[in-house]
Protein backbone atom coordinates (compact mmCIF):
# COMPACT_ATOMS: atom_id res chain seq x y z
CA UNK A 1 38.62 12.36 -11.23
CA UNK A 2 40.42 10.61 -8.36
CA UNK A 3 40.81 6.87 -8.84
CA UNK A 4 39.55 4.81 -5.91
CA UNK A 5 42.02 2.10 -4.82
CA UNK A 6 40.42 -1.32 -4.32
CA UNK A 7 41.22 -1.47 -0.53
CA UNK A 8 39.47 1.88 -0.11
CA UNK A 9 36.53 0.73 -2.19
CA UNK A 10 36.15 -2.27 0.10
CA UNK A 11 35.44 0.10 2.99
CA UNK A 12 32.16 1.07 1.30
CA UNK A 13 30.82 -2.39 2.01
CA UNK A 14 30.97 -1.89 5.82
CA UNK A 15 27.53 -0.23 6.02
CA UNK A 16 26.18 -3.04 3.84
CA UNK A 17 27.52 -5.60 6.31
CA UNK A 18 25.82 -3.75 9.16
CA UNK A 19 22.43 -3.85 7.37
CA UNK A 20 22.78 -7.54 6.54
CA UNK A 21 23.62 -8.25 10.17
CA UNK A 22 20.49 -6.38 11.28
CA UNK A 23 18.36 -8.33 8.79
CA UNK A 24 19.58 -11.62 10.20
CA UNK A 25 19.26 -10.39 13.78
CA UNK A 26 15.63 -9.41 13.16
CA UNK A 27 14.88 -12.75 11.50
CA UNK A 28 14.30 -11.19 8.10
CA UNK A 29 17.12 -13.09 6.44
CA UNK A 30 19.91 -11.37 4.56
CA UNK A 31 20.14 -13.81 1.64
CA UNK A 32 18.30 -11.55 -0.83
CA UNK A 33 20.38 -8.54 0.18
CA UNK A 34 23.63 -10.48 -0.21
CA UNK A 35 22.51 -11.81 -3.57
CA UNK A 36 21.50 -8.32 -4.73
CA UNK A 37 24.83 -6.83 -3.66
CA UNK A 38 26.79 -9.65 -5.31
CA UNK A 39 24.81 -9.26 -8.49
CA UNK A 40 25.33 -5.47 -8.41
CA UNK A 41 29.10 -5.94 -8.02
CA UNK A 42 29.38 -8.45 -10.88
CA UNK A 43 27.12 -6.45 -13.18
CA UNK A 44 28.98 -3.19 -12.63
CA UNK A 45 32.39 -4.79 -13.10
CA UNK A 46 31.25 -6.42 -16.32
CA UNK A 47 29.50 -3.30 -17.66
CA UNK A 48 32.70 -1.33 -17.15
CA UNK A 49 34.36 -3.47 -19.81
CA UNK A 50 31.28 -3.57 -22.03
CA UNK A 51 30.87 0.21 -22.00
CA UNK A 52 34.43 0.64 -23.25
CA UNK A 53 33.32 -1.14 -26.41
CA UNK A 54 29.90 0.48 -26.66
CA UNK A 55 31.19 4.02 -26.23
CA UNK A 56 33.60 3.55 -29.11
CA UNK A 57 31.06 2.15 -31.60
CA UNK A 58 29.98 4.13 -34.62
CA UNK A 59 27.05 1.85 -35.48
CA UNK A 60 23.56 2.95 -34.44
CA UNK A 61 22.26 -0.65 -34.53
CA UNK A 62 24.58 -1.52 -31.63
CA UNK A 63 23.01 1.20 -29.49
CA UNK A 64 19.48 0.16 -30.52
CA UNK A 65 20.33 -3.39 -29.52
CA UNK A 66 21.65 -2.29 -26.14
CA UNK A 67 18.55 -0.18 -25.50
CA UNK A 68 16.35 -3.15 -26.38
CA UNK A 69 18.13 -5.41 -23.92
CA UNK A 70 17.82 -2.70 -21.25
CA UNK A 71 14.08 -2.38 -21.87
CA UNK A 72 13.43 -6.14 -21.68
CA UNK A 73 15.53 -6.47 -18.51
CA UNK A 74 13.77 -3.53 -16.86
CA UNK A 75 10.36 -4.99 -17.74
CA UNK A 76 11.24 -8.41 -16.36
CA UNK A 77 12.63 -6.99 -13.10
CA UNK A 78 9.57 -4.73 -12.67
CA UNK A 79 7.37 -7.87 -12.61
CA UNK A 80 9.20 -9.21 -9.56
CA UNK A 81 6.85 -7.60 -7.04
CA UNK A 82 3.55 -8.41 -8.81
CA UNK A 83 1.35 -11.38 -8.03
CA UNK A 84 -0.51 -11.51 -11.29
CA UNK A 85 -0.42 -15.05 -12.63
CA UNK A 86 -0.48 -14.06 -16.30
CA UNK A 87 3.19 -13.15 -16.35
CA UNK A 88 3.53 -13.38 -20.16
CA UNK A 89 0.72 -10.92 -20.85
CA UNK A 90 1.80 -8.80 -17.92
CA UNK A 91 5.37 -8.63 -19.21
CA UNK A 92 4.10 -7.27 -22.49
CA UNK A 93 2.06 -4.61 -20.68
CA UNK A 94 5.01 -3.62 -18.53
CA UNK A 95 7.26 -3.46 -21.62
CA UNK A 96 4.77 -1.28 -23.49
CA UNK A 97 4.36 1.00 -20.47
CA UNK A 98 8.10 1.53 -20.08
CA UNK A 99 8.48 2.04 -23.84
CA UNK A 100 5.71 4.63 -23.90
CA UNK A 101 6.91 6.51 -20.80
CA UNK A 102 10.65 5.87 -21.11
CA UNK A 103 11.51 5.76 -24.80
CA UNK A 104 9.42 8.82 -25.66
CA UNK A 105 11.10 10.72 -22.85
CA UNK A 106 14.53 9.55 -23.94
CA UNK A 107 13.84 10.75 -27.50
CA UNK A 108 12.66 14.11 -26.23
CA UNK A 109 15.72 14.59 -24.04
CA UNK A 110 18.39 13.35 -26.45
CA UNK A 111 17.01 14.77 -29.68
CA UNK A 112 15.24 17.86 -28.38
CA UNK A 113 16.96 19.06 -25.23
CA UNK A 114 20.52 17.89 -25.95
CA UNK A 115 20.28 17.62 -29.73
CA UNK A 116 22.85 14.76 -29.90
CA UNK A 117 25.11 14.52 -32.93
CA UNK A 118 25.11 11.78 -33.99
CA UNK A 119 21.62 11.03 -32.67
CA UNK A 120 22.80 7.84 -30.91
CA UNK A 121 25.92 9.31 -29.27
CA UNK A 122 26.71 6.38 -26.93
CA UNK A 123 28.37 8.30 -24.04
CA UNK A 124 25.15 10.24 -23.48
CA UNK A 125 22.44 7.98 -24.88
CA UNK A 126 23.25 4.89 -22.76
CA UNK A 127 23.59 6.61 -19.33
CA UNK A 128 20.45 8.68 -19.88
CA UNK A 129 18.52 5.62 -21.05
CA UNK A 130 19.68 3.77 -17.95
CA UNK A 131 18.38 6.48 -15.63
CA UNK A 132 15.08 6.80 -17.47
CA UNK A 133 14.37 3.05 -17.80
CA UNK A 134 15.36 2.39 -14.18
CA UNK A 135 13.06 5.15 -12.94
CA UNK A 136 10.18 3.84 -15.01
CA UNK A 137 10.91 0.29 -13.89
CA UNK A 138 10.78 1.21 -10.23
CA UNK A 139 7.59 3.18 -10.68
CA UNK A 140 5.84 0.33 -12.46
CA UNK A 141 7.05 -2.14 -9.88
CA UNK A 142 5.80 -0.03 -6.97
CA UNK A 143 2.54 0.63 -8.73
CA UNK A 144 1.97 -3.07 -9.47
CA UNK A 145 2.79 -4.18 -5.93
CA UNK A 146 0.52 -1.55 -4.34
CA UNK A 147 -2.27 -2.20 -6.86
CA UNK A 148 -2.28 -5.94 -6.10
CA UNK A 149 -2.43 -5.20 -2.36
CA UNK A 150 -5.28 -2.70 -2.73
CA UNK A 151 -7.29 -5.02 -4.97
CA UNK A 152 -6.84 -7.91 -2.55
CA UNK A 153 -8.01 -5.74 0.34
CA UNK A 154 -10.81 -3.68 -1.23
CA UNK A 155 -11.39 -5.00 -4.78
CA UNK A 156 -12.24 -1.52 -6.10
CA UNK A 157 -10.27 -0.74 -9.26
CA UNK A 158 -10.47 3.06 -9.31
CA UNK A 159 -9.44 3.39 -5.68
CA UNK A 160 -6.62 0.83 -6.15
CA UNK A 161 -5.39 2.65 -9.26
CA UNK A 162 -5.37 6.01 -7.53
CA UNK A 163 -3.55 4.70 -4.47
CA UNK A 164 -1.04 2.75 -6.55
CA UNK A 165 -0.09 5.67 -8.75
CA UNK A 166 0.36 7.91 -5.68
CA UNK A 167 2.62 5.28 -4.04
CA UNK A 168 4.64 4.78 -7.22
CA UNK A 169 5.46 8.50 -7.38
CA UNK A 170 6.50 8.91 -3.73
CA UNK A 171 10.27 8.26 -4.30
CA UNK A 172 10.64 10.67 -7.21
CA UNK A 173 8.40 13.28 -5.55
CA UNK A 174 10.49 13.12 -2.40
CA UNK A 175 13.58 13.58 -4.59
CA UNK A 176 12.05 16.72 -6.13
CA UNK A 177 11.48 18.16 -2.64
CA UNK A 178 14.94 17.19 -1.40
CA UNK A 179 17.16 18.07 -4.36
CA UNK A 180 19.35 21.03 -3.61
CA UNK A 181 18.34 21.08 0.06
CA UNK A 182 18.97 17.58 1.39
CA UNK A 183 20.99 16.10 -1.44
CA UNK A 184 23.03 16.82 -4.56
CA UNK A 185 22.03 14.03 -6.98
CA UNK A 186 24.54 11.76 -8.67
CA UNK A 187 24.77 13.48 -12.03
CA UNK A 188 25.19 16.95 -10.51
CA UNK A 189 27.74 15.72 -7.97
CA UNK A 190 29.72 13.91 -10.66
CA UNK A 191 29.82 16.94 -12.91
CA UNK A 192 30.91 19.27 -10.09
CA UNK A 193 33.63 16.81 -9.04
CA UNK A 194 34.86 16.71 -12.62
CA UNK A 195 35.16 20.50 -12.74
CA UNK A 196 31.92 21.56 -14.42
CA UNK A 197 30.39 24.86 -13.27
CA UNK A 198 27.59 24.32 -10.68
CA UNK A 199 25.28 26.49 -12.78
CA UNK A 200 25.74 24.20 -15.80
CA UNK A 201 25.42 21.10 -13.60
CA UNK A 202 22.16 22.50 -12.18
CA UNK A 203 20.67 22.76 -15.68
CA UNK A 204 21.53 19.13 -16.39
CA UNK A 205 20.03 18.10 -13.07
CA UNK A 206 16.80 19.96 -13.82
CA UNK A 207 16.60 18.06 -17.09
CA UNK A 208 17.21 14.77 -15.25
CA UNK A 209 14.57 15.37 -12.55
CA UNK A 210 11.99 16.33 -15.18
CA UNK A 211 12.70 13.28 -17.31
CA UNK A 212 12.59 10.94 -14.29
CA UNK A 213 9.32 12.31 -13.00
CA UNK A 214 7.72 12.29 -16.44
CA UNK A 215 8.82 8.82 -17.49
CA UNK A 216 7.96 7.31 -14.09
CA UNK A 217 4.50 8.82 -13.97
CA UNK A 218 3.62 7.99 -17.58
CA UNK A 219 4.86 4.41 -17.33
CA UNK A 220 3.09 3.70 -14.04
CA UNK A 221 -0.16 5.29 -15.26
CA UNK A 222 -0.12 3.30 -18.48
CA UNK A 223 0.52 0.03 -16.70
CA UNK A 224 -2.28 0.64 -14.19
CA UNK A 225 -4.67 1.55 -17.01
CA UNK A 226 -3.79 -1.56 -19.02
CA UNK A 227 -4.29 -4.03 -16.15
CA UNK A 228 -7.84 -2.86 -15.49
CA UNK A 229 -10.18 -5.83 -15.02
CA UNK A 230 -12.36 -6.37 -18.10
CA UNK A 231 -15.57 -6.06 -16.10
CA UNK A 232 -14.65 -2.56 -14.89
CA UNK A 233 -15.95 0.31 -17.01
CA UNK A 234 -14.17 3.65 -16.64
CA UNK A 235 -15.89 6.73 -17.99
């Protein structure tokens, strides 16, 4: 693939600067956006070097360790939008939800659909895990934020749970509607740019969309079920 020169790469930050300017102009403050972009830049630059080592490893424990760090980080970030004061207990519930929805999906995809050999093949395991865990993280985060808002407004668990799950699935559901019509997702675009047949790329993208929808829905549903108030009885 074509290498992007650094001066050209810098041009991609122009739309970011426009959004930050709008945030300040509308008195929303752009500090969080600037921090997020700076963190993204540093993280991606660092991970480029780290992945060079990870992709060359022949030890499964290294991959398991990386996946564990990814799960803990995803769980911690997902808690950012929640207002629940019991963050320790909540972190455990988020972690379990992402493990149940994300790890099971990852195992199905890597060992069933792709049949990796060896089972921990780093060049496929790590990118797929990243997509799955990030999708589950976002779904849990959206579900938690909406659930807190609904409970504060109405205080009715079943209604809050239903609304929160629907809200959590809006991004991935919109992606399902738009894929192939409005957008060509990242994996499919990258494969086509690297010379892979569009028909083969389409199969991979179908796998990706299924795994994202499944892991997101399962993780969000589990989290919402596990934060049910003790006094609420669900038949």
